[in-house]
Every structure is written in structure tokens, then in C-alpha cells.
């Protein structure tokens, strides 16, 4: 006969490894998310610094001269004027 303790011991070890793996996997995923969030925040700050620098160095632009207003169109022949 097979001693049940000999069978149960490897199964407990397997169950422990599976449980430990899921916890370790979750912890690693959280660490990865924190690193990614930090990197995104740093890039956002750098982008804002560059935008601020370029805004400070920008040459003010002169507004374009507005075009002369168009002459009113004349009524075409055959149409009565409502004026």
C-alpha cells in the first residue's frame, strides 16, 4: 500500500508554490505599475518645462492686417431690389 502522507506531502508543496507564485506575481505587477507611473510623471514634468521655456523664448507675433471689407454685391438683372 501507498502511505497517504507520502502522496500528500508533494501536493502540499505544489499548492504552496502555486500560492506563492500568485502573490509574487501580484507584487511584481504593482512594482511595474509604480515604476511606469513615475516615468510618466517625470516625462509630463519635462514636457511642461520645455513648453514653459519655449513660451518664454517665443517672439511676439504681429497680428495680421485685416483684409479690406468686400463691396456689397449688386442685385442681378431680373431681380427686384428690396431696398
N, C-alpha and C. Protein backbone atom coordinates (compact mmCIF):
# COMPACT_ATOMS: atom_id res chain seq x y z
N UNK A 1 0.81 -1.18 0.00
CA UNK A 1 0.00 0.00 0.00
C UNK A 1 0.86 1.25 0.00
N UNK A 2 0.25 2.36 -0.48
CA UNK A 2 0.94 3.63 -0.53
C UNK A 2 0.55 4.43 0.69
N UNK A 3 1.54 4.94 1.35
CA UNK A 3 1.28 5.76 2.54
C UNK A 3 0.73 7.11 2.07
N UNK A 4 -0.42 7.54 2.59
CA UNK A 4 -1.07 8.78 2.16
C UNK A 4 -0.22 9.99 2.48
N UNK A 5 0.60 9.88 3.50
CA UNK A 5 1.47 11.00 3.83
C UNK A 5 2.50 11.24 2.75
N UNK A 6 2.94 10.19 2.10
CA UNK A 6 3.92 10.35 1.03
C UNK A 6 3.31 11.04 -0.18
N UNK A 7 2.04 10.84 -0.42
CA UNK A 7 1.35 11.46 -1.55
C UNK A 7 0.98 12.90 -1.20
N UNK A 8 0.53 13.13 0.02
CA UNK A 8 0.06 14.46 0.42
C UNK A 8 1.19 15.47 0.50
N UNK A 9 2.36 15.05 0.88
CA UNK A 9 3.48 15.98 1.06
C UNK A 9 3.84 16.69 -0.26
N UNK A 10 4.02 16.01 -1.38
CA UNK A 10 4.33 16.72 -2.63
C UNK A 10 3.18 17.63 -3.08
N UNK A 11 1.95 17.22 -2.81
CA UNK A 11 0.82 18.06 -3.20
C UNK A 11 0.78 19.35 -2.39
N UNK A 12 1.10 19.26 -1.12
CA UNK A 12 1.16 20.47 -0.31
C UNK A 12 2.26 21.40 -0.80
N UNK A 13 3.37 20.83 -1.15
CA UNK A 13 4.48 21.65 -1.68
C UNK A 13 4.09 22.33 -2.99
N UNK A 14 3.37 21.60 -3.84
CA UNK A 14 2.91 22.17 -5.11
C UNK A 14 1.90 23.29 -4.85
N UNK A 15 0.97 23.04 -3.94
CA UNK A 15 -0.03 24.06 -3.62
C UNK A 15 0.65 25.30 -3.05
N UNK A 16 1.65 25.13 -2.23
CA UNK A 16 2.38 26.27 -1.65
C UNK A 16 3.08 27.07 -2.74
N UNK A 17 3.72 26.36 -3.69
CA UNK A 17 4.43 27.06 -4.76
C UNK A 17 3.45 27.83 -5.64
N UNK A 18 2.29 27.26 -5.92
CA UNK A 18 1.28 27.96 -6.73
C UNK A 18 0.80 29.20 -5.99
N UNK A 19 0.51 29.08 -4.72
CA UNK A 19 0.06 30.23 -3.94
C UNK A 19 1.14 31.30 -3.85
N UNK A 20 2.37 30.90 -3.61
CA UNK A 20 3.47 31.86 -3.54
C UNK A 20 3.67 32.58 -4.87
N UNK A 21 3.50 31.83 -5.97
CA UNK A 21 3.67 32.42 -7.30
C UNK A 21 2.64 33.52 -7.53
N UNK A 22 1.40 33.29 -7.17
CA UNK A 22 0.37 34.31 -7.42
C UNK A 22 0.64 35.57 -6.60
N UNK A 23 1.09 35.42 -5.38
CA UNK A 23 1.40 36.58 -4.55
C UNK A 23 2.60 37.33 -5.13
N UNK A 24 3.63 36.61 -5.49
CA UNK A 24 4.82 37.23 -6.05
C UNK A 24 4.50 37.92 -7.38
N UNK A 25 3.66 37.30 -8.18
CA UNK A 25 3.27 37.89 -9.46
C UNK A 25 2.52 39.20 -9.25
N UNK A 26 1.60 39.23 -8.29
CA UNK A 26 0.84 40.44 -7.99
C UNK A 26 1.77 41.54 -7.48
N UNK A 27 2.72 41.20 -6.63
CA UNK A 27 3.65 42.20 -6.12
C UNK A 27 4.51 42.78 -7.23
N UNK A 28 4.95 41.93 -8.14
CA UNK A 28 5.76 42.40 -9.27
C UNK A 28 4.93 43.31 -10.17
N UNK A 29 3.68 42.97 -10.40
CA UNK A 29 2.82 43.81 -11.23
C UNK A 29 2.62 45.19 -10.60
N UNK A 30 2.46 45.23 -9.29
CA UNK A 30 2.33 46.53 -8.61
C UNK A 30 3.61 47.35 -8.73
N UNK A 31 4.75 46.69 -8.57
CA UNK A 31 6.03 47.41 -8.72
C UNK A 31 6.16 47.97 -10.13
N UNK A 32 5.82 47.17 -11.13
CA UNK A 32 5.89 47.63 -12.52
C UNK A 32 4.98 48.83 -12.74
N UNK A 33 3.78 48.79 -12.18
CA UNK A 33 2.84 49.91 -12.34
C UNK A 33 3.37 51.17 -11.67
N UNK A 34 3.99 51.05 -10.51
CA UNK A 34 4.54 52.22 -9.83
C UNK A 34 5.70 52.82 -10.63
N UNK A 35 6.55 51.96 -11.19
CA UNK A 35 7.67 52.45 -12.00
C UNK A 35 7.14 53.17 -13.23
N UNK A 36 6.15 52.59 -13.88
CA UNK A 36 5.58 53.21 -15.08
C UNK A 36 4.92 54.55 -14.75
N UNK A 37 4.22 54.62 -13.64
CA UNK A 37 3.57 55.87 -13.24
C UNK A 37 4.61 56.94 -12.95
N UNK A 38 5.69 56.58 -12.30
CA UNK A 38 6.76 57.53 -12.01
C UNK A 38 7.40 58.03 -13.30
N UNK A 39 7.64 57.14 -14.24
CA UNK A 39 8.24 57.54 -15.52
C UNK A 39 7.31 58.48 -16.28
N UNK A 40 6.02 58.19 -16.28
CA UNK A 40 5.06 59.07 -16.96
C UNK A 40 5.02 60.45 -16.31
N UNK A 41 5.06 60.50 -15.00
CA UNK A 41 5.03 61.77 -14.29
C UNK A 41 6.29 62.58 -14.61
N UNK A 42 7.44 61.93 -14.66
CA UNK A 42 8.68 62.63 -14.99
C UNK A 42 8.64 63.19 -16.40
N UNK A 43 8.12 62.41 -17.34
CA UNK A 43 8.02 62.90 -18.72
C UNK A 43 7.06 64.08 -18.82
N UNK A 44 5.96 64.02 -18.09
CA UNK A 44 5.00 65.12 -18.10
C UNK A 44 5.65 66.40 -17.56
N UNK A 45 6.43 66.28 -16.48
CA UNK A 45 7.12 67.44 -15.92
C UNK A 45 8.13 68.00 -16.92
N UNK A 46 8.87 67.12 -17.57
CA UNK A 46 9.85 67.57 -18.56
C UNK A 46 9.17 68.27 -19.73
N UNK A 47 8.05 67.73 -20.20
CA UNK A 47 7.31 68.36 -21.29
C UNK A 47 6.84 69.75 -20.87
N UNK A 48 6.34 69.87 -19.64
CA UNK A 48 5.88 71.17 -19.15
C UNK A 48 7.04 72.15 -19.06
N UNK A 49 8.21 71.69 -18.61
CA UNK A 49 9.39 72.56 -18.55
C UNK A 49 9.77 73.06 -19.94
N UNK A 50 9.75 72.18 -20.91
CA UNK A 50 10.08 72.57 -22.29
C UNK A 50 9.05 73.57 -22.81
N UNK A 51 7.76 73.31 -22.58
CA UNK A 51 6.72 74.24 -23.02
C UNK A 51 6.90 75.61 -22.37
N UNK A 52 7.20 75.64 -21.08
CA UNK A 52 7.41 76.91 -20.39
C UNK A 52 8.61 77.65 -20.97
N UNK A 53 9.69 76.92 -21.24
CA UNK A 53 10.89 77.52 -21.81
C UNK A 53 10.59 78.10 -23.19
N UNK A 54 9.92 77.33 -24.03
CA UNK A 54 9.61 77.82 -25.38
C UNK A 54 8.66 79.00 -25.34
N UNK A 55 7.70 78.98 -24.43
CA UNK A 55 6.78 80.11 -24.30
C UNK A 55 7.53 81.37 -23.87
N UNK A 56 8.51 81.23 -22.99
CA UNK A 56 9.28 82.38 -22.54
C UNK A 56 10.17 82.93 -23.65
N UNK A 57 10.63 82.08 -24.54
CA UNK A 57 11.51 82.49 -25.62
C UNK A 57 10.77 82.91 -26.88
N UNK A 58 9.47 82.72 -26.93
CA UNK A 58 8.69 82.99 -28.14
C UNK A 58 8.72 84.48 -28.47
N UNK A 59 8.80 84.75 -29.75
CA UNK A 59 8.77 86.12 -30.23
C UNK A 59 7.31 86.49 -30.42
N UNK A 60 6.90 87.63 -29.86
CA UNK A 60 5.50 88.01 -30.04
C UNK A 60 5.21 88.24 -31.52
N UNK A 61 4.11 87.78 -31.94
CA UNK A 61 3.75 87.91 -33.36
C UNK A 61 2.85 89.13 -33.53
N UNK A 62 3.00 89.77 -34.68
CA UNK A 62 2.16 90.92 -35.01
C UNK A 62 0.89 90.38 -35.64
N UNK A 63 -0.26 90.84 -35.17
CA UNK A 63 -1.49 90.34 -35.78
C UNK A 63 -1.57 90.76 -37.24
N UNK A 64 -2.13 89.93 -38.04
CA UNK A 64 -2.25 90.20 -39.47
C UNK A 64 -3.20 91.37 -39.69
N UNK A 65 -2.89 92.15 -40.71
CA UNK A 65 -3.76 93.28 -41.05
C UNK A 65 -5.03 92.71 -41.65
N UNK A 66 -6.18 93.11 -41.12
CA UNK A 66 -7.41 92.56 -41.68
C UNK A 66 -7.60 93.03 -43.12
N UNK A 67 -8.16 92.17 -43.90
CA UNK A 67 -8.41 92.48 -45.30
C UNK A 67 -9.51 93.53 -45.39
N UNK A 68 -9.45 94.32 -46.47
CA UNK A 68 -10.48 95.33 -46.68
C UNK A 68 -11.83 94.64 -46.86
N UNK A 69 -12.89 95.26 -46.33
CA UNK A 69 -14.20 94.63 -46.50
C UNK A 69 -14.59 94.58 -47.96
N UNK A 70 -15.26 93.54 -48.31
CA UNK A 70 -15.69 93.37 -49.69
C UNK A 70 -16.84 94.33 -49.98
N UNK A 71 -16.89 94.74 -51.23
CA UNK A 71 -18.01 95.61 -51.63
C UNK A 71 -19.27 94.78 -51.67
N UNK A 72 -20.39 95.40 -51.29
CA UNK A 72 -21.65 94.64 -51.37
C UNK A 72 -21.94 94.26 -52.80
N UNK A 73 -22.51 93.11 -52.95
CA UNK A 73 -22.82 92.63 -54.29
C UNK A 73 -24.05 93.36 -54.81
N UNK A 74 -24.07 93.58 -56.09
CA UNK A 74 -25.20 94.25 -56.73
C UNK A 74 -26.23 93.22 -57.11
N UNK A 75 -27.50 93.57 -57.05
CA UNK A 75 -28.53 92.64 -57.50
C UNK A 75 -28.36 92.34 -58.99
N UNK A 76 -28.62 91.13 -59.35
CA UNK A 76 -28.50 90.75 -60.75
C UNK A 76 -29.74 91.19 -61.50
N UNK A 77 -29.59 91.28 -62.77
CA UNK A 77 -30.72 91.72 -63.62
C UNK A 77 -31.89 90.76 -63.47
N UNK A 78 -33.05 91.28 -63.45
CA UNK A 78 -34.25 90.44 -63.34
C UNK A 78 -34.74 90.30 -61.92
N UNK A 79 -33.95 90.69 -60.95
CA UNK A 79 -34.38 90.61 -59.57
C UNK A 79 -34.69 92.02 -59.07
N UNK A 80 -35.70 92.12 -58.30
CA UNK A 80 -36.08 93.41 -57.75
C UNK A 80 -35.31 93.64 -56.48
N UNK A 81 -34.97 94.88 -56.26
CA UNK A 81 -34.26 95.23 -55.06
C UNK A 81 -35.24 95.45 -53.95
N UNK A 82 -34.95 94.99 -52.74
CA UNK A 82 -35.84 95.15 -51.60
C UNK A 82 -35.56 96.43 -50.84
N UNK A 83 -34.67 97.26 -51.35
CA UNK A 83 -34.30 98.47 -50.62
C UNK A 83 -35.26 99.60 -50.83
